[in-house]
Amino acid sequence: MPSIWSLLLLTIFMPRHDFHVSIAQVDYKQQSLQMTLRVFTEDLEDRLEEQSGLDLDLGTPTEHEKAPELIAEYLREVLAFEADGMELPMRYIGLEVEYELSYLYLEFPCVEPPKELLVRNQIFFDSFEDQSNIVNVKVGEELRSAFLSPGEGETILEF
């Protein structure tokens, strides 16, 4: 039977999750690309705290007041859409935290449904070598998907 100290050491040094992935669902609605991006809360918090030096406590009553600003700033660095050759501005809407997952809500105004969409999602590429980012985009009845990884952080989807 293992001692309490052995169990404690195992839990301290065990990673909380063994894989690094984000999943984005993007829907063209009401003249915009509306995105829900799911990431591990721990990864988002660690990345932002490392960059800012602040204790953010995402999704808790003690969440730092600068958290929304820091999240939006980071997302502008790592996410982008270009519709038919024109870069779309990003609007950060908010965050919901459910246990281990954070749901980030964003909007990219786009007057016309895109025929060609450059998708860039490089979230956490600077943190994890094994990071994978899946982006599913639905325009009308057409669904296209992109699988992005370090070294291939962007692709073009055609509708």
N, C-alpha and C. Protein backbone atom coordinates (compact mmCIF):
# COMPACT_ATOMS: atom_id res chain seq x y z
N MET A 1 0.85 -1.18 0.00
CA MET A 1 0.00 0.00 0.00
C MET A 1 0.89 1.24 0.00
N PRO A 2 0.68 2.16 -0.96
CA PRO A 2 1.53 3.35 -1.02
C PRO A 2 1.27 4.28 0.16
N SER A 3 2.33 4.96 0.54
CA SER A 3 2.19 5.91 1.65
C SER A 3 1.48 7.17 1.16
N ILE A 4 0.99 7.94 2.10
CA ILE A 4 0.32 9.20 1.77
C ILE A 4 1.28 10.14 1.06
N TRP A 5 2.57 10.09 1.43
CA TRP A 5 3.56 10.97 0.80
C TRP A 5 3.79 10.58 -0.66
N SER A 6 3.77 9.29 -0.95
CA SER A 6 3.93 8.84 -2.34
C SER A 6 2.77 9.33 -3.20
N LEU A 7 1.56 9.20 -2.68
CA LEU A 7 0.38 9.66 -3.41
C LEU A 7 0.41 11.17 -3.61
N LEU A 8 0.81 11.88 -2.58
CA LEU A 8 0.89 13.33 -2.68
C LEU A 8 1.90 13.75 -3.75
N LEU A 9 3.07 13.13 -3.75
CA LEU A 9 4.08 13.47 -4.75
C LEU A 9 3.60 13.14 -6.17
N LEU A 10 2.91 12.01 -6.32
CA LEU A 10 2.38 11.64 -7.64
C LEU A 10 1.39 12.67 -8.16
N THR A 11 0.50 13.12 -7.30
CA THR A 11 -0.50 14.09 -7.75
C THR A 11 0.11 15.46 -8.03
N ILE A 12 1.14 15.82 -7.31
CA ILE A 12 1.80 17.11 -7.54
C ILE A 12 2.49 17.13 -8.90
N PHE A 13 3.14 16.02 -9.26
CA PHE A 13 3.94 16.00 -10.48
C PHE A 13 3.21 15.42 -11.69
N MET A 14 1.98 14.98 -11.54
CA MET A 14 1.21 14.48 -12.68
C MET A 14 0.62 15.65 -13.45
N PRO A 15 0.71 15.61 -14.76
CA PRO A 15 0.06 16.67 -15.53
C PRO A 15 -1.45 16.57 -15.38
N ARG A 16 -2.13 17.72 -15.47
CA ARG A 16 -3.58 17.72 -15.32
C ARG A 16 -4.27 17.16 -16.55
N HIS A 17 -3.69 17.36 -17.72
CA HIS A 17 -4.21 16.71 -18.92
C HIS A 17 -3.04 16.39 -19.84
N ASP A 18 -3.20 15.31 -20.59
CA ASP A 18 -2.09 14.78 -21.38
C ASP A 18 -2.06 15.28 -22.81
N PHE A 19 -3.04 16.03 -23.23
CA PHE A 19 -3.06 16.50 -24.61
C PHE A 19 -3.42 17.97 -24.62
N HIS A 20 -3.05 18.62 -25.69
CA HIS A 20 -3.27 20.07 -25.82
C HIS A 20 -4.02 20.32 -27.11
N VAL A 21 -5.27 20.69 -26.97
CA VAL A 21 -6.11 20.90 -28.14
C VAL A 21 -7.09 22.03 -27.87
N SER A 22 -7.40 22.78 -28.91
CA SER A 22 -8.50 23.75 -28.85
C SER A 22 -9.46 23.38 -29.97
N ILE A 23 -10.73 23.67 -29.74
CA ILE A 23 -11.74 23.41 -30.76
C ILE A 23 -12.56 24.68 -30.94
N ALA A 24 -12.61 25.14 -32.18
CA ALA A 24 -13.38 26.34 -32.49
C ALA A 24 -14.54 25.98 -33.41
N GLN A 25 -15.71 26.47 -33.03
CA GLN A 25 -16.88 26.35 -33.90
C GLN A 25 -17.20 27.76 -34.38
N VAL A 26 -17.24 27.93 -35.70
CA VAL A 26 -17.48 29.23 -36.29
C VAL A 26 -18.70 29.12 -37.21
N ASP A 27 -19.66 30.01 -37.01
CA ASP A 27 -20.87 30.02 -37.82
C ASP A 27 -21.04 31.41 -38.43
N TYR A 28 -21.32 31.44 -39.74
CA TYR A 28 -21.63 32.71 -40.38
C TYR A 28 -23.10 33.00 -40.13
N LYS A 29 -23.38 34.05 -39.36
CA LYS A 29 -24.75 34.46 -39.04
C LYS A 29 -24.78 35.98 -38.93
N GLN A 30 -25.87 36.57 -39.34
CA GLN A 30 -26.13 37.99 -39.14
C GLN A 30 -24.93 38.86 -39.51
N GLN A 31 -24.39 38.60 -40.68
CA GLN A 31 -23.26 39.36 -41.24
C GLN A 31 -22.01 39.33 -40.36
N SER A 32 -21.76 38.18 -39.74
CA SER A 32 -20.52 38.04 -38.99
C SER A 32 -20.17 36.56 -38.83
N LEU A 33 -18.90 36.32 -38.60
CA LEU A 33 -18.43 34.99 -38.23
C LEU A 33 -18.45 34.96 -36.70
N GLN A 34 -19.27 34.09 -36.14
CA GLN A 34 -19.42 34.00 -34.69
C GLN A 34 -18.70 32.75 -34.21
N MET A 35 -17.74 32.95 -33.32
CA MET A 35 -16.86 31.87 -32.88
C MET A 35 -17.04 31.53 -31.42
N THR A 36 -17.09 30.24 -31.14
CA THR A 36 -16.96 29.72 -29.79
C THR A 36 -15.69 28.89 -29.78
N LEU A 37 -14.74 29.28 -28.97
CA LEU A 37 -13.44 28.61 -28.89
C LEU A 37 -13.32 27.94 -27.53
N ARG A 38 -13.14 26.61 -27.55
CA ARG A 38 -12.99 25.85 -26.31
C ARG A 38 -11.52 25.53 -26.09
N VAL A 39 -11.04 25.90 -24.90
CA VAL A 39 -9.66 25.63 -24.51
C VAL A 39 -9.65 25.14 -23.06
N PHE A 40 -8.56 24.52 -22.67
CA PHE A 40 -8.41 24.16 -21.27
C PHE A 40 -8.14 25.43 -20.47
N THR A 41 -8.90 25.62 -19.43
CA THR A 41 -8.76 26.82 -18.59
C THR A 41 -7.34 26.93 -18.04
N GLU A 42 -6.79 25.82 -17.60
CA GLU A 42 -5.44 25.82 -17.05
C GLU A 42 -4.42 26.36 -18.05
N ASP A 43 -4.55 25.96 -19.32
CA ASP A 43 -3.61 26.42 -20.34
C ASP A 43 -3.75 27.92 -20.59
N LEU A 44 -4.98 28.39 -20.66
CA LEU A 44 -5.23 29.82 -20.88
C LEU A 44 -4.71 30.64 -19.71
N GLU A 45 -5.06 30.21 -18.52
CA GLU A 45 -4.64 30.94 -17.33
C GLU A 45 -3.12 30.96 -17.20
N ASP A 46 -2.47 29.81 -17.38
CA ASP A 46 -1.01 29.75 -17.28
C ASP A 46 -0.35 30.67 -18.29
N ARG A 47 -0.83 30.65 -19.53
CA ARG A 47 -0.24 31.48 -20.58
C ARG A 47 -0.38 32.96 -20.27
N LEU A 48 -1.57 33.37 -19.84
CA LEU A 48 -1.80 34.79 -19.56
C LEU A 48 -1.09 35.25 -18.29
N GLU A 49 -1.03 34.38 -17.29
CA GLU A 49 -0.33 34.75 -16.05
C GLU A 49 1.16 34.86 -16.29
N GLU A 50 1.70 33.98 -17.12
CA GLU A 50 3.13 34.05 -17.45
C GLU A 50 3.45 35.36 -18.15
N GLN A 51 2.58 35.76 -19.06
CA GLN A 51 2.78 36.99 -19.83
C GLN A 51 2.58 38.24 -18.98
N SER A 52 1.57 38.22 -18.10
CA SER A 52 1.21 39.44 -17.36
C SER A 52 1.81 39.54 -15.97
N GLY A 53 2.15 38.40 -15.37
CA GLY A 53 2.63 38.40 -14.00
C GLY A 53 1.51 38.56 -12.97
N LEU A 54 0.25 38.48 -13.42
CA LEU A 54 -0.90 38.64 -12.53
C LEU A 54 -1.51 37.29 -12.20
N ASP A 55 -2.17 37.20 -11.05
CA ASP A 55 -2.93 36.01 -10.68
C ASP A 55 -4.36 36.25 -11.16
N LEU A 56 -4.81 35.53 -12.18
CA LEU A 56 -6.07 35.87 -12.85
C LEU A 56 -7.31 35.19 -12.27
N ASP A 57 -7.18 33.97 -11.76
CA ASP A 57 -8.34 33.25 -11.20
C ASP A 57 -9.53 33.25 -12.15
N LEU A 58 -9.32 32.82 -13.38
CA LEU A 58 -10.37 32.86 -14.39
C LEU A 58 -11.61 32.09 -13.96
N GLY A 59 -12.76 32.70 -14.17
CA GLY A 59 -14.03 32.05 -13.90
C GLY A 59 -14.40 31.95 -12.44
N THR A 60 -13.70 32.68 -11.58
CA THR A 60 -14.01 32.66 -10.15
C THR A 60 -14.49 34.04 -9.71
N PRO A 61 -15.09 34.12 -8.52
CA PRO A 61 -15.51 35.44 -8.03
C PRO A 61 -14.34 36.42 -7.84
N THR A 62 -13.12 35.88 -7.72
CA THR A 62 -11.96 36.75 -7.53
C THR A 62 -11.18 36.97 -8.83
N GLU A 63 -11.83 36.72 -9.98
CA GLU A 63 -11.17 36.92 -11.27
C GLU A 63 -10.63 38.35 -11.34
N HIS A 64 -9.39 38.46 -11.79
CA HIS A 64 -8.75 39.77 -11.90
C HIS A 64 -9.50 40.65 -12.91
N GLU A 65 -9.65 41.92 -12.59
CA GLU A 65 -10.40 42.85 -13.45
C GLU A 65 -9.77 43.03 -14.83
N LYS A 66 -8.46 42.75 -14.95
CA LYS A 66 -7.78 42.89 -16.25
C LYS A 66 -7.89 41.64 -17.11
N ALA A 67 -8.50 40.58 -16.60
CA ALA A 67 -8.58 39.32 -17.35
C ALA A 67 -9.19 39.49 -18.74
N PRO A 68 -10.36 40.14 -18.88
CA PRO A 68 -10.94 40.28 -20.22
C PRO A 68 -10.01 41.00 -21.21
N GLU A 69 -9.35 42.03 -20.75
CA GLU A 69 -8.43 42.79 -21.60
C GLU A 69 -7.24 41.92 -22.02
N LEU A 70 -6.70 41.15 -21.09
CA LEU A 70 -5.55 40.29 -21.39
C LEU A 70 -5.94 39.16 -22.34
N ILE A 71 -7.12 38.60 -22.15
CA ILE A 71 -7.60 37.54 -23.05
C ILE A 71 -7.76 38.09 -24.46
N ALA A 72 -8.43 39.23 -24.60
CA ALA A 72 -8.65 39.82 -25.91
C ALA A 72 -7.33 40.15 -26.61
N GLU A 73 -6.39 40.69 -25.85
CA GLU A 73 -5.08 41.05 -26.41
C GLU A 73 -4.36 39.80 -26.93
N TYR A 74 -4.37 38.74 -26.14
CA TYR A 74 -3.70 37.50 -26.55
C TYR A 74 -4.39 36.90 -27.79
N LEU A 75 -5.71 36.88 -27.79
CA LEU A 75 -6.43 36.30 -28.92
C LEU A 75 -6.16 37.07 -30.21
N ARG A 76 -6.00 38.38 -30.12
CA ARG A 76 -5.68 39.19 -31.32
C ARG A 76 -4.31 38.81 -31.88
N GLU A 77 -3.41 38.34 -31.00
CA GLU A 77 -2.08 37.92 -31.44
C GLU A 77 -2.11 36.58 -32.18
N VAL A 78 -3.03 35.69 -31.80
CA VAL A 78 -2.97 34.31 -32.28
C VAL A 78 -4.10 33.89 -33.21
N LEU A 79 -5.15 34.69 -33.32
CA LEU A 79 -6.31 34.35 -34.15
C LEU A 79 -6.52 35.42 -35.22
N ALA A 80 -6.91 34.97 -36.41
CA ALA A 80 -7.27 35.93 -37.46
C ALA A 80 -8.08 35.23 -38.54
N PHE A 81 -8.94 36.00 -39.19
CA PHE A 81 -9.68 35.56 -40.36
C PHE A 81 -9.49 36.60 -41.45
N GLU A 82 -9.30 36.12 -42.68
CA GLU A 82 -9.32 36.98 -43.85
C GLU A 82 -10.38 36.42 -44.78
N ALA A 83 -11.40 37.22 -45.05
CA ALA A 83 -12.48 36.80 -45.95
C ALA A 83 -12.25 37.42 -47.31
N ASP A 84 -12.06 36.56 -48.30
CA ASP A 84 -11.84 37.01 -49.67
C ASP A 84 -10.76 38.08 -49.76
N GLY A 85 -9.66 37.85 -49.00
CA GLY A 85 -8.50 38.74 -49.04
C GLY A 85 -8.54 39.92 -48.10
N MET A 86 -9.62 40.11 -47.36
CA MET A 86 -9.72 41.25 -46.43
C MET A 86 -9.69 40.75 -44.99
N GLU A 87 -8.75 41.29 -44.18
CA GLU A 87 -8.68 40.89 -42.78
C GLU A 87 -9.91 41.40 -42.04
N LEU A 88 -10.48 40.53 -41.22
CA LEU A 88 -11.68 40.89 -40.46
C LEU A 88 -11.29 41.33 -39.05
N PRO A 89 -11.90 42.40 -38.55
CA PRO A 89 -11.61 42.82 -37.17
C PRO A 89 -12.22 41.82 -36.19
N MET A 90 -11.54 41.63 -35.07
CA MET A 90 -12.01 40.71 -34.05
C MET A 90 -12.66 41.48 -32.91
N ARG A 91 -13.78 40.98 -32.44
CA ARG A 91 -14.43 41.55 -31.26
C ARG A 91 -14.56 40.45 -30.23
N TYR A 92 -13.89 40.63 -29.10
CA TYR A 92 -13.97 39.68 -27.99
C TYR A 92 -15.26 39.95 -27.22
N ILE A 93 -16.09 38.93 -27.07
CA ILE A 93 -17.37 39.09 -26.40
C ILE A 93 -17.31 38.67 -24.94
N GLY A 94 -16.67 37.54 -24.66
CA GLY A 94 -16.60 37.12 -23.26
C GLY A 94 -16.11 35.70 -23.08
N LEU A 95 -16.17 35.27 -21.83
CA LEU A 95 -15.62 33.99 -21.39
C LEU A 95 -16.59 33.33 -20.43
N GLU A 96 -16.75 32.03 -20.57
CA GLU A 96 -17.45 31.22 -19.59
C GLU A 96 -16.52 30.08 -19.21
N VAL A 97 -16.45 29.79 -17.93
CA VAL A 97 -15.60 28.70 -17.45
C VAL A 97 -16.50 27.63 -16.87
N GLU A 98 -16.30 26.41 -17.37
CA GLU A 98 -16.99 25.24 -16.83
C GLU A 98 -15.93 24.22 -16.46
N TYR A 99 -15.63 24.14 -15.18
CA TYR A 99 -14.65 23.22 -14.64
C TYR A 99 -13.32 23.39 -15.36
N GLU A 100 -12.90 22.42 -16.20
CA GLU A 100 -11.59 22.48 -16.87
C GLU A 100 -11.61 23.27 -18.17
N LEU A 101 -12.79 23.52 -18.71
CA LEU A 101 -12.88 24.16 -20.02
C LEU A 101 -13.30 25.61 -19.93
N SER A 102 -12.69 26.40 -20.80
CA SER A 102 -13.11 27.79 -20.98
C SER A 102 -13.71 27.91 -22.36
N TYR A 103 -14.83 28.61 -22.43
CA TYR A 103 -15.51 28.91 -23.69
C TYR A 103 -15.31 30.39 -23.96
N LEU A 104 -14.59 30.69 -25.03
CA LEU A 104 -14.31 32.06 -25.41
C LEU A 104 -15.22 32.41 -26.58
N TYR A 105 -15.88 33.55 -26.48
CA TYR A 105 -16.83 33.97 -27.51
C TYR A 105 -16.28 35.19 -28.24
N LEU A 106 -16.26 35.08 -29.59
CA LEU A 106 -15.71 36.15 -30.42
C LEU A 106 -16.60 36.35 -31.63
N GLU A 107 -16.44 37.53 -32.22
CA GLU A 107 -17.20 37.84 -33.43
C GLU A 107 -16.27 38.57 -34.40
N PHE A 108 -16.43 38.24 -35.67
CA PHE A 108 -15.66 38.87 -36.74
C PHE A 108 -16.66 39.41 -37.75
N PRO A 109 -16.96 40.72 -37.75
CA PRO A 109 -17.92 41.26 -38.71
C PRO A 109 -17.49 40.96 -40.16
N CYS A 110 -18.48 40.51 -40.95
CA CYS A 110 -18.22 40.11 -42.33
C CYS A 110 -19.54 40.27 -43.09
N VAL A 111 -19.67 41.33 -43.87
CA VAL A 111 -20.94 41.69 -44.49
C VAL A 111 -21.47 40.57 -45.40
N GLU A 112 -20.61 40.02 -46.24
CA GLU A 112 -21.02 38.97 -47.18
C GLU A 112 -20.46 37.62 -46.73
N PRO A 113 -21.19 36.54 -46.99
CA PRO A 113 -20.63 35.21 -46.70
C PRO A 113 -19.33 35.02 -47.49
N PRO A 114 -18.27 34.57 -46.84
CA PRO A 114 -16.99 34.44 -47.54
C PRO A 114 -17.01 33.27 -48.53
N LYS A 115 -16.33 33.48 -49.65
CA LYS A 115 -16.12 32.40 -50.62
C LYS A 115 -14.80 31.70 -50.32
N GLU A 116 -13.84 32.51 -49.84
CA GLU A 116 -12.53 31.99 -49.45
C GLU A 116 -12.18 32.60 -48.10
N LEU A 117 -11.80 31.75 -47.17
CA LEU A 117 -11.53 32.21 -45.80
C LEU A 117 -10.18 31.71 -45.34
N LEU A 118 -9.27 32.65 -45.11
CA LEU A 118 -8.00 32.29 -44.49
C LEU A 118 -8.24 32.20 -43.00
N VAL A 119 -7.90 31.07 -42.42
CA VAL A 119 -8.11 30.81 -41.00
C VAL A 119 -6.75 30.69 -40.33
N ARG A 120 -6.53 31.51 -39.31
CA ARG A 120 -5.29 31.44 -38.53
C ARG A 120 -5.67 31.21 -37.07
N ASN A 121 -5.17 30.13 -36.50
CA ASN A 121 -5.37 29.85 -35.08
C ASN A 121 -4.08 29.26 -34.54
N GLN A 122 -3.29 30.08 -33.88
CA GLN A 122 -2.00 29.67 -33.36
C GLN A 122 -1.99 29.70 -31.83
N ILE A 123 -3.18 29.55 -31.23
CA ILE A 123 -3.27 29.61 -29.77
C ILE A 123 -2.42 28.51 -29.14
N PHE A 124 -1.62 28.88 -28.19
CA PHE A 124 -0.75 28.01 -27.39
C PHE A 124 0.38 27.36 -28.18
N PHE A 125 0.59 27.73 -29.44
CA PHE A 125 1.71 27.16 -30.18
C PHE A 125 3.04 27.52 -29.52
N ASP A 126 3.09 28.66 -28.85
CA ASP A 126 4.31 29.07 -28.17
C ASP A 126 4.45 28.41 -26.80
N SER A 127 3.43 27.66 -26.38
CA SER A 127 3.46 27.00 -25.07
C SER A 127 3.66 25.49 -25.16
N PHE A 128 3.10 24.85 -26.20
CA PHE A 128 3.12 23.39 -26.29
C PHE A 128 3.49 22.93 -27.69
N GLU A 129 4.49 22.05 -27.78
CA GLU A 129 4.90 21.50 -29.07
C GLU A 129 3.83 20.63 -29.69
N ASP A 130 2.99 20.01 -28.84
CA ASP A 130 1.97 19.08 -29.33
C ASP A 130 0.58 19.72 -29.45
N GLN A 131 0.52 21.04 -29.38
CA GLN A 131 -0.77 21.73 -29.48
C GLN A 131 -1.41 21.50 -30.84
N SER A 132 -2.70 21.21 -30.84
CA SER A 132 -3.49 21.07 -32.06
C SER A 132 -4.71 21.96 -31.94
N ASN A 133 -5.06 22.62 -33.02
CA ASN A 133 -6.22 23.51 -33.04
C ASN A 133 -7.14 23.10 -34.18
N ILE A 134 -8.36 22.75 -33.82
CA ILE A 134 -9.36 22.35 -34.79
C ILE A 134 -10.32 23.51 -34.97
N VAL A 135 -10.57 23.88 -36.22
CA VAL A 135 -11.49 24.98 -36.52
C VAL A 135 -12.54 24.46 -37.49
N ASN A 136 -13.79 24.46 -37.06
CA ASN A 136 -14.92 24.07 -37.90
C ASN A 136 -15.68 25.34 -38.28
N VAL A 137 -15.86 25.56 -39.59
CA VAL A 137 -16.51 26.77 -40.07
C VAL A 137 -17.74 26.37 -40.90
N LYS A 138 -18.88 26.94 -40.53
CA LYS A 138 -20.11 26.68 -41.28
C LYS A 138 -20.60 27.97 -41.90
N VAL A 139 -20.73 27.96 -43.23
CA VAL A 139 -21.26 29.09 -43.99
C VAL A 139 -22.45 28.53 -44.77
N GLY A 140 -23.64 28.99 -44.41
CA GLY A 140 -24.84 28.41 -45.02
C GLY A 140 -24.94 26.95 -44.62
N GLU A 141 -25.07 26.09 -45.61
CA GLU A 141 -25.15 24.65 -45.34
C GLU A 141 -23.79 23.97 -45.49
N GLU A 142 -22.76 24.73 -45.83
CA GLU A 142 -21.45 24.14 -46.07
C GLU A 142 -20.58 24.20 -44.82
N LEU A 143 -19.99 23.06 -44.47
CA LEU A 143 -19.11 22.94 -43.31
C LEU A 143 -17.72 22.58 -43.80
N ARG A 144 -16.74 23.35 -43.36
CA ARG A 144 -15.33 23.07 -43.67
C ARG A 144 -14.57 23.02 -42.34
N SER A 145 -13.53 22.20 -42.31
CA SER A 145 -12.73 22.05 -41.09
C SER A 145 -11.26 22.22 -41.39
N ALA A 146 -10.55 22.74 -40.41
CA ALA A 146 -9.11 22.89 -40.50
C ALA A 146 -8.48 22.28 -39.27
N PHE A 147 -7.38 21.59 -39.46
CA PHE A 147 -6.59 21.02 -38.36
C PHE A 147 -5.25 21.72 -38.40
N LEU A 148 -4.99 22.56 -37.39
CA LEU A 148 -3.79 23.38 -37.37
C LEU A 148 -2.85 22.93 -36.26
N SER A 149 -1.55 22.98 -36.55
CA SER A 149 -0.54 22.57 -35.58
C SER A 149 0.68 23.48 -35.75
N PRO A 150 1.60 23.47 -34.78
CA PRO A 150 2.79 24.31 -34.93
C PRO A 150 3.46 24.02 -36.28
N GLY A 151 3.83 25.07 -36.97
CA GLY A 151 4.39 24.93 -38.30
C GLY A 151 3.34 25.07 -39.39
N GLU A 152 2.08 24.82 -39.05
CA GLU A 152 0.96 24.98 -39.98
C GLU A 152 -0.17 25.66 -39.24
N GLY A 153 0.01 26.91 -38.91
CA GLY A 153 -0.94 27.64 -38.09
C GLY A 153 -2.04 28.36 -38.84
N GLU A 154 -2.05 28.19 -40.18
CA GLU A 154 -3.12 28.81 -40.95
C GLU A 154 -3.40 27.99 -42.20
N THR A 155 -4.61 28.16 -42.72
CA THR A 155 -5.00 27.47 -43.94
C THR A 155 -6.12 28.26 -44.60
N ILE A 156 -6.42 27.90 -45.84
CA ILE A 156 -7.51 28.56 -46.57
C ILE A 156 -8.63 27.55 -46.76
N LEU A 157 -9.84 27.97 -46.42
CA LEU A 157 -11.04 27.17 -46.62
C LEU A 157 -11.86 27.82 -47.73
N GLU A 158 -12.41 27.01 -48.62
CA GLU A 158 -13.22 27.53 -49.72
C GLU A 158 -14.65 27.06 -49.58
N PHE A 159 -15.57 27.98 -49.87
CA PHE A 159 -17.01 27.68 -49.77
C PHE A 159 -17.69 27.86 -51.11
